[in-house]
Protein backbone atom coordinates (compact mmCIF):
# COMPACT_ATOMS: atom_id res chain seq x y z
CA MET A 1 0.00 0.00 0.00
CA PRO A 2 1.44 3.44 -0.91
CA LYS A 3 2.51 5.75 1.91
CA THR A 4 -0.09 8.36 0.99
CA VAL A 5 -2.92 5.85 1.42
CA ARG A 6 -1.51 4.70 4.76
CA LYS A 7 -1.38 8.28 6.01
CA LEU A 8 -4.98 8.88 4.97
CA ARG A 9 -6.07 5.73 6.83
CA GLY A 10 -4.07 6.60 9.94
CA GLY A 11 -1.50 3.86 9.46
CA ASN A 12 1.07 5.56 11.69
CA LEU A 13 -1.24 6.56 14.55
CA LYS A 14 -0.41 5.23 18.00
CA LYS A 15 -2.58 5.15 21.11
CA ILE A 16 -1.47 7.46 23.90
CA TYR A 17 -2.81 6.76 27.36
CA SER A 18 -2.80 9.22 30.24
CA ASN A 19 -2.76 6.24 32.64
CA PRO A 20 -1.11 3.18 31.06
CA GLU A 21 -1.89 1.01 34.10
CA LEU A 22 -5.65 1.51 33.65
CA ALA A 23 -5.34 1.01 29.89
CA LYS A 24 -4.52 -2.66 30.57
CA PHE A 25 -8.12 -3.28 31.67
CA SER A 26 -11.20 -3.57 29.50
CA PRO A 27 -14.08 -1.11 30.06
CA ARG A 28 -16.17 -4.00 31.42
CA GLU A 29 -13.50 -4.85 34.00
CA LEU A 30 -13.22 -1.23 35.12
CA ILE A 31 -16.99 -0.90 35.56
CA ALA A 32 -17.11 -4.19 37.51
CA GLU A 33 -14.40 -2.86 39.84
CA LEU A 34 -16.30 0.39 40.42
CA LYS A 35 -19.46 -1.57 41.25
CA ALA A 36 -17.52 -3.82 43.64
CA ARG A 37 -16.23 -0.72 45.43
CA GLY A 38 -19.78 0.56 45.91
CA TYR A 39 -19.98 3.21 43.22
CA THR A 40 -23.43 3.82 41.77
CA GLY A 41 -24.88 6.27 39.32
CA GLU A 42 -24.25 7.17 35.73
CA LEU A 43 -20.91 7.40 33.96
CA LYS A 44 -20.48 9.55 30.88
CA TYR A 45 -17.27 10.19 29.01
CA THR A 46 -16.22 11.92 25.84
CA GLN A 47 -13.39 11.09 23.51
CA THR A 48 -11.56 13.89 21.78
CA ILE A 49 -9.49 13.07 18.73
CA SER A 50 -7.15 15.76 17.41
CA LEU A 51 -5.29 15.39 14.15
């Protein structure tokens, strides 16, 4: 695949985590841990992608 096509498809993008330790867990595992610790309510998050 030509380099220009790879760039358009984001072939060189890498994930950057603000907390790499938490990134090891799946969202389901994180929610289960919150429930086990007694947290209740509603969780909302947004994802911002800057290019």
